[in-house]
Amino acid sequence: MIQLGATVDSEEKVFWYVALGLGFVVILVVIALLTLLSRLVDDIDRAVDALWTVTKRWAQNTTGMYQFAGTGSILRALREELLRHDKMLSGDDRVASGR
């Protein structure tokens, strides 16, 4: 019969304790890094959610922007008409008659 552990000397015990200690340290480091990664992913997720909300609101606010395309020319025509009315009301008959 083979007896396991019957012929383990003190050097082998030290080696196994060191190996178990290093394994424990590695496990703690992995747990710490995974916790850090999880928090980082949560932060990124919250930031992406906030960005998505802002972009949806921005898209909703800009859906009617095409309606402003002709606003400049309409405002210029309105200004010219207002200037004609102002001159007409101030008594300048040349403008009112179209001369």
Protein backbone atom coordinates (compact mmCIF):
# COMPACT_ATOMS: atom_id res chain seq x y z
CA MET A 1 0.00 0.00 0.00
CA ILE A 2 1.07 3.51 -0.72
CA GLN A 3 0.83 5.91 2.15
CA LEU A 4 0.46 9.51 1.12
CA GLY A 5 1.99 12.14 3.32
CA ALA A 6 3.95 9.74 5.44
CA THR A 7 7.33 10.81 4.10
CA VAL A 8 6.85 14.60 3.93
CA ASP A 9 9.81 16.44 5.33
CA SER A 10 9.86 20.01 6.66
CA GLU A 11 11.16 21.54 3.38
CA GLU A 12 8.19 20.16 1.49
CA LYS A 13 5.83 21.48 4.12
CA VAL A 14 7.36 24.96 3.78
CA PHE A 15 7.03 24.73 0.00
CA TRP A 16 3.34 23.81 0.29
CA TYR A 17 2.65 26.62 2.78
CA VAL A 18 4.34 29.11 0.46
CA ALA A 19 2.35 27.77 -2.50
CA LEU A 20 -0.92 27.99 -0.54
CA GLY A 21 -0.05 31.51 0.65
CA LEU A 22 0.74 32.66 -2.88
CA GLY A 23 -2.50 31.11 -4.11
CA PHE A 24 -4.42 32.95 -1.41
CA VAL A 25 -2.75 36.25 -2.36
CA VAL A 26 -3.51 35.66 -6.04
CA ILE A 27 -7.17 34.96 -5.21
CA LEU A 28 -7.37 38.20 -3.18
CA VAL A 29 -5.82 40.19 -6.02
CA VAL A 30 -8.24 38.65 -8.53
CA ILE A 31 -11.19 39.51 -6.28
CA ALA A 32 -9.96 43.10 -5.92
CA LEU A 33 -9.45 43.49 -9.67
CA LEU A 34 -12.85 42.01 -10.50
CA THR A 35 -14.49 44.36 -7.98
CA LEU A 36 -12.68 47.31 -9.56
CA LEU A 37 -13.73 46.17 -13.03
CA SER A 38 -17.34 45.78 -11.91
CA ARG A 39 -17.41 49.32 -10.50
CA LEU A 40 -15.80 50.68 -13.65
CA VAL A 41 -18.37 48.94 -15.83
CA ASP A 42 -21.19 50.32 -13.65
CA ASP A 43 -19.76 53.85 -13.99
CA ILE A 44 -19.52 53.46 -17.76
CA ASP A 45 -23.07 52.09 -17.89
CA ARG A 46 -24.42 55.09 -15.96
CA ALA A 47 -22.51 57.49 -18.19
CA VAL A 48 -23.81 55.80 -21.34
CA ASP A 49 -27.37 55.94 -19.98
CA ALA A 50 -26.98 59.67 -19.29
CA LEU A 51 -25.52 60.25 -22.75
CA TRP A 52 -28.34 58.26 -24.35
CA THR A 53 -30.91 60.36 -22.50
CA VAL A 54 -29.25 63.60 -23.61
CA THR A 55 -29.03 62.50 -27.23
CA LYS A 56 -32.69 61.43 -27.26
CA ARG A 57 -33.72 64.83 -25.87
CA TRP A 58 -31.48 66.60 -28.37
CA ALA A 59 -33.02 64.60 -31.21
CA GLN A 60 -36.51 65.47 -30.01
CA ASN A 61 -35.59 69.15 -29.82
CA THR A 62 -34.16 69.23 -33.32
CA THR A 63 -36.90 67.39 -35.20
CA GLY A 64 -38.45 70.67 -36.36
CA MET A 65 -35.20 72.36 -37.44
CA TYR A 66 -36.08 71.95 -41.13
CA GLN A 67 -38.86 74.48 -40.61
CA PHE A 68 -36.29 77.21 -39.95
CA ALA A 69 -34.79 76.87 -43.45
CA GLY A 70 -36.84 79.70 -44.97
CA THR A 71 -36.92 81.92 -41.90
CA GLY A 72 -34.08 84.19 -43.06
CA SER A 73 -35.71 85.14 -46.35
CA ILE A 74 -39.08 85.65 -44.65
CA LEU A 75 -37.50 87.94 -42.05
CA ARG A 76 -35.75 89.99 -44.77
CA ALA A 77 -39.05 90.44 -46.64
CA LEU A 78 -40.78 91.40 -43.39
CA ARG A 79 -38.06 93.95 -42.62
CA GLU A 80 -38.41 95.54 -46.06
CA GLU A 81 -42.18 95.71 -45.63
CA LEU A 82 -41.83 97.28 -42.21
CA LEU A 83 -39.42 99.88 -43.59
CA ARG A 84 -41.94 100.74 -46.31
CA HIS A 85 -44.69 101.13 -43.73
CA ASP A 86 -42.46 103.28 -41.55
CA LYS A 87 -41.60 105.61 -44.42
CA MET A 88 -45.22 105.74 -45.49
CA LEU A 89 -46.40 106.62 -42.00
CA SER A 90 -43.66 109.23 -41.60
CA GLY A 91 -45.11 111.14 -44.60
CA ASP A 92 -42.68 110.32 -47.37
CA ASP A 93 -45.07 110.14 -50.35
CA ARG A 94 -42.41 108.99 -52.82
CA VAL A 95 -42.12 105.60 -51.09
CA ALA A 96 -45.89 105.18 -50.67
CA SER A 97 -46.56 105.76 -54.36
CA GLY A 98 -43.85 103.31 -55.36
CA ARG A 99 -41.44 105.86 -56.91
